[in-house]
Amino acid sequence: IATREEARAELQAHADRMARLNRILDVAVDARDNDLAAHCRRVIQREIIRNARVMARIEAGGAQ
């Protein structure tokens, strides 16, 4: 089913983005760059919301 392929692709994209964002966050925290860490946390929250929205559309059978 195309929905499974779409879901798999979205989950992979989300995992890639989260891995990169978490690495940036780790570096920012290690460098004590509070502004970058705060920004990264906001971007992580947006990515989580984006992923939930896309997955809901996929589950409903709608297009991205």
N, C-alpha and C. Protein backbone atom coordinates (compact mmCIF):
# COMPACT_ATOMS: atom_id res chain seq x y z
N ILE A 1 0.85 -1.18 0.00
CA ILE A 1 0.00 0.00 0.00
C ILE A 1 0.89 1.24 0.00
N ALA A 2 0.51 2.24 -0.74
CA ALA A 2 1.26 3.48 -0.82
C ALA A 2 1.34 4.17 0.55
N THR A 3 0.29 4.02 1.34
CA THR A 3 0.27 4.66 2.66
C THR A 3 1.42 4.14 3.52
N ARG A 4 1.70 2.85 3.46
CA ARG A 4 2.81 2.31 4.23
C ARG A 4 4.14 2.87 3.75
N GLU A 5 4.30 3.00 2.45
CA GLU A 5 5.53 3.57 1.90
C GLU A 5 5.66 5.04 2.31
N GLU A 6 4.55 5.78 2.25
CA GLU A 6 4.57 7.18 2.67
C GLU A 6 4.91 7.29 4.15
N ALA A 7 4.31 6.43 4.95
CA ALA A 7 4.58 6.46 6.39
C ALA A 7 6.03 6.12 6.67
N ARG A 8 6.54 5.11 5.99
CA ARG A 8 7.95 4.72 6.19
C ARG A 8 8.88 5.87 5.80
N ALA A 9 8.60 6.53 4.69
CA ALA A 9 9.43 7.64 4.24
C ALA A 9 9.35 8.80 5.22
N GLU A 10 8.16 9.09 5.72
CA GLU A 10 8.00 10.17 6.69
C GLU A 10 8.73 9.85 7.99
N LEU A 11 8.60 8.63 8.46
CA LEU A 11 9.29 8.24 9.69
C LEU A 11 10.81 8.34 9.53
N GLN A 12 11.30 7.98 8.38
CA GLN A 12 12.75 8.09 8.13
C GLN A 12 13.18 9.56 8.10
N ALA A 13 12.41 10.39 7.42
CA ALA A 13 12.73 11.82 7.36
C ALA A 13 12.69 12.43 8.76
N HIS A 14 11.70 12.05 9.54
CA HIS A 14 11.58 12.57 10.90
C HIS A 14 12.76 12.11 11.75
N ALA A 15 13.13 10.85 11.64
CA ALA A 15 14.26 10.33 12.41
C ALA A 15 15.56 11.05 12.03
N ASP A 16 15.76 11.29 10.75
CA ASP A 16 16.95 12.01 10.29
C ASP A 16 16.99 13.42 10.86
N ARG A 17 15.86 14.12 10.76
CA ARG A 17 15.79 15.49 11.27
C ARG A 17 16.03 15.54 12.77
N MET A 18 15.39 14.62 13.49
CA MET A 18 15.54 14.61 14.95
C MET A 18 16.98 14.27 15.35
N ALA A 19 17.62 13.38 14.62
CA ALA A 19 19.01 13.05 14.94
C ALA A 19 19.90 14.27 14.76
N ARG A 20 19.70 15.00 13.68
CA ARG A 20 20.50 16.20 13.44
C ARG A 20 20.22 17.27 14.49
N LEU A 21 18.94 17.48 14.79
CA LEU A 21 18.58 18.49 15.77
C LEU A 21 19.11 18.14 17.16
N ASN A 22 19.02 16.88 17.53
CA ASN A 22 19.53 16.47 18.83
C ASN A 22 21.04 16.62 18.91
N ARG A 23 21.73 16.38 17.81
CA ARG A 23 23.19 16.57 17.80
C ARG A 23 23.52 18.06 17.96
N ILE A 24 22.78 18.91 17.24
CA ILE A 24 23.00 20.35 17.38
C ILE A 24 22.74 20.78 18.82
N LEU A 25 21.68 20.25 19.41
CA LEU A 25 21.37 20.58 20.80
C LEU A 25 22.48 20.14 21.73
N ASP A 26 23.00 18.94 21.54
CA ASP A 26 24.11 18.46 22.37
C ASP A 26 25.33 19.37 22.27
N VAL A 27 25.66 19.78 21.06
CA VAL A 27 26.81 20.66 20.86
C VAL A 27 26.56 22.02 21.52
N ALA A 28 25.35 22.54 21.36
CA ALA A 28 25.02 23.84 21.96
C ALA A 28 25.11 23.77 23.48
N VAL A 29 24.59 22.70 24.06
CA VAL A 29 24.65 22.56 25.52
C VAL A 29 26.09 22.43 25.98
N ASP A 30 26.87 21.61 25.29
CA ASP A 30 28.29 21.45 25.65
C ASP A 30 29.04 22.78 25.56
N ALA A 31 28.68 23.60 24.58
CA ALA A 31 29.34 24.89 24.39
C ALA A 31 28.73 25.98 25.28
N ARG A 32 27.73 25.59 26.04
CA ARG A 32 27.02 26.55 26.92
C ARG A 32 26.42 27.71 26.12
N ASP A 33 25.98 27.40 24.91
CA ASP A 33 25.33 28.40 24.06
C ASP A 33 23.82 28.30 24.31
N ASN A 34 23.37 29.05 25.31
CA ASN A 34 21.97 28.95 25.73
C ASN A 34 20.99 29.42 24.67
N ASP A 35 21.37 30.43 23.91
CA ASP A 35 20.49 30.92 22.85
C ASP A 35 20.28 29.87 21.77
N LEU A 36 21.36 29.24 21.34
CA LEU A 36 21.25 28.19 20.33
C LEU A 36 20.48 27.00 20.87
N ALA A 37 20.73 26.63 22.10
CA ALA A 37 20.02 25.49 22.70
C ALA A 37 18.52 25.77 22.77
N ALA A 38 18.15 26.97 23.17
CA ALA A 38 16.73 27.33 23.25
C ALA A 38 16.09 27.31 21.86
N HIS A 39 16.80 27.86 20.88
CA HIS A 39 16.28 27.85 19.51
C HIS A 39 16.12 26.42 19.02
N CYS A 40 17.09 25.59 19.28
CA CYS A 40 17.04 24.20 18.83
C CYS A 40 15.86 23.47 19.47
N ARG A 41 15.62 23.73 20.74
CA ARG A 41 14.46 23.10 21.41
C ARG A 41 13.15 23.53 20.75
N ARG A 42 13.06 24.80 20.35
CA ARG A 42 11.85 25.26 19.65
C ARG A 42 11.70 24.57 18.30
N VAL A 43 12.80 24.41 17.59
CA VAL A 43 12.76 23.74 16.28
C VAL A 43 12.38 22.27 16.46
N ILE A 44 12.88 21.63 17.49
CA ILE A 44 12.53 20.24 17.78
C ILE A 44 11.02 20.13 18.01
N GLN A 45 10.46 21.04 18.78
CA GLN A 45 9.01 21.01 19.03
C GLN A 45 8.22 21.19 17.73
N ARG A 46 8.68 22.09 16.87
CA ARG A 46 8.01 22.27 15.57
C ARG A 46 8.09 21.01 14.72
N GLU A 47 9.24 20.34 14.76
CA GLU A 47 9.41 19.11 13.98
C GLU A 47 8.49 18.02 14.50
N ILE A 48 8.34 17.91 15.80
CA ILE A 48 7.44 16.91 16.37
C ILE A 48 6.00 17.19 15.94
N ILE A 49 5.60 18.44 15.97
CA ILE A 49 4.25 18.82 15.55
C ILE A 49 4.06 18.55 14.06
N ARG A 50 5.07 18.90 13.25
CA ARG A 50 4.99 18.67 11.81
C ARG A 50 4.83 17.18 11.51
N ASN A 51 5.62 16.37 12.20
CA ASN A 51 5.55 14.93 11.99
C ASN A 51 4.18 14.38 12.37
N ALA A 52 3.64 14.81 13.48
CA ALA A 52 2.33 14.34 13.91
C ALA A 52 1.25 14.72 12.89
N ARG A 53 1.35 15.94 12.35
CA ARG A 53 0.38 16.40 11.36
C ARG A 53 0.47 15.56 10.08
N VAL A 54 1.68 15.31 9.62
CA VAL A 54 1.86 14.53 8.39
C VAL A 54 1.40 13.08 8.60
N MET A 55 1.76 12.51 9.75
CA MET A 55 1.35 11.13 10.01
C MET A 55 -0.17 11.01 10.11
N ALA A 56 -0.83 12.01 10.68
CA ALA A 56 -2.29 12.00 10.76
C ALA A 56 -2.91 12.03 9.37
N ARG A 57 -2.33 12.84 8.47
CA ARG A 57 -2.82 12.89 7.10
C ARG A 57 -2.62 11.55 6.40
N ILE A 58 -1.47 10.94 6.62
CA ILE A 58 -1.20 9.64 6.00
C ILE A 58 -2.18 8.60 6.52
N GLU A 59 -2.41 8.58 7.80
CA GLU A 59 -3.34 7.61 8.40
C GLU A 59 -4.76 7.83 7.88
N ALA A 60 -5.11 9.09 7.64
CA ALA A 60 -6.45 9.40 7.13
C ALA A 60 -6.57 9.13 5.63
N GLY A 61 -5.44 8.83 4.99
CA GLY A 61 -5.45 8.52 3.58
C GLY A 61 -5.33 9.74 2.69
N GLY A 62 -5.03 10.88 3.27
CA GLY A 62 -4.88 12.11 2.50
C GLY A 62 -3.48 12.28 1.99
N ALA A 63 -3.33 13.21 1.08
CA ALA A 63 -2.01 13.52 0.52
C ALA A 63 -1.27 14.44 1.47
N GLN A 64 0.05 14.44 1.32
CA GLN A 64 0.87 15.32 2.15
C GLN A 64 0.76 16.67 1.62
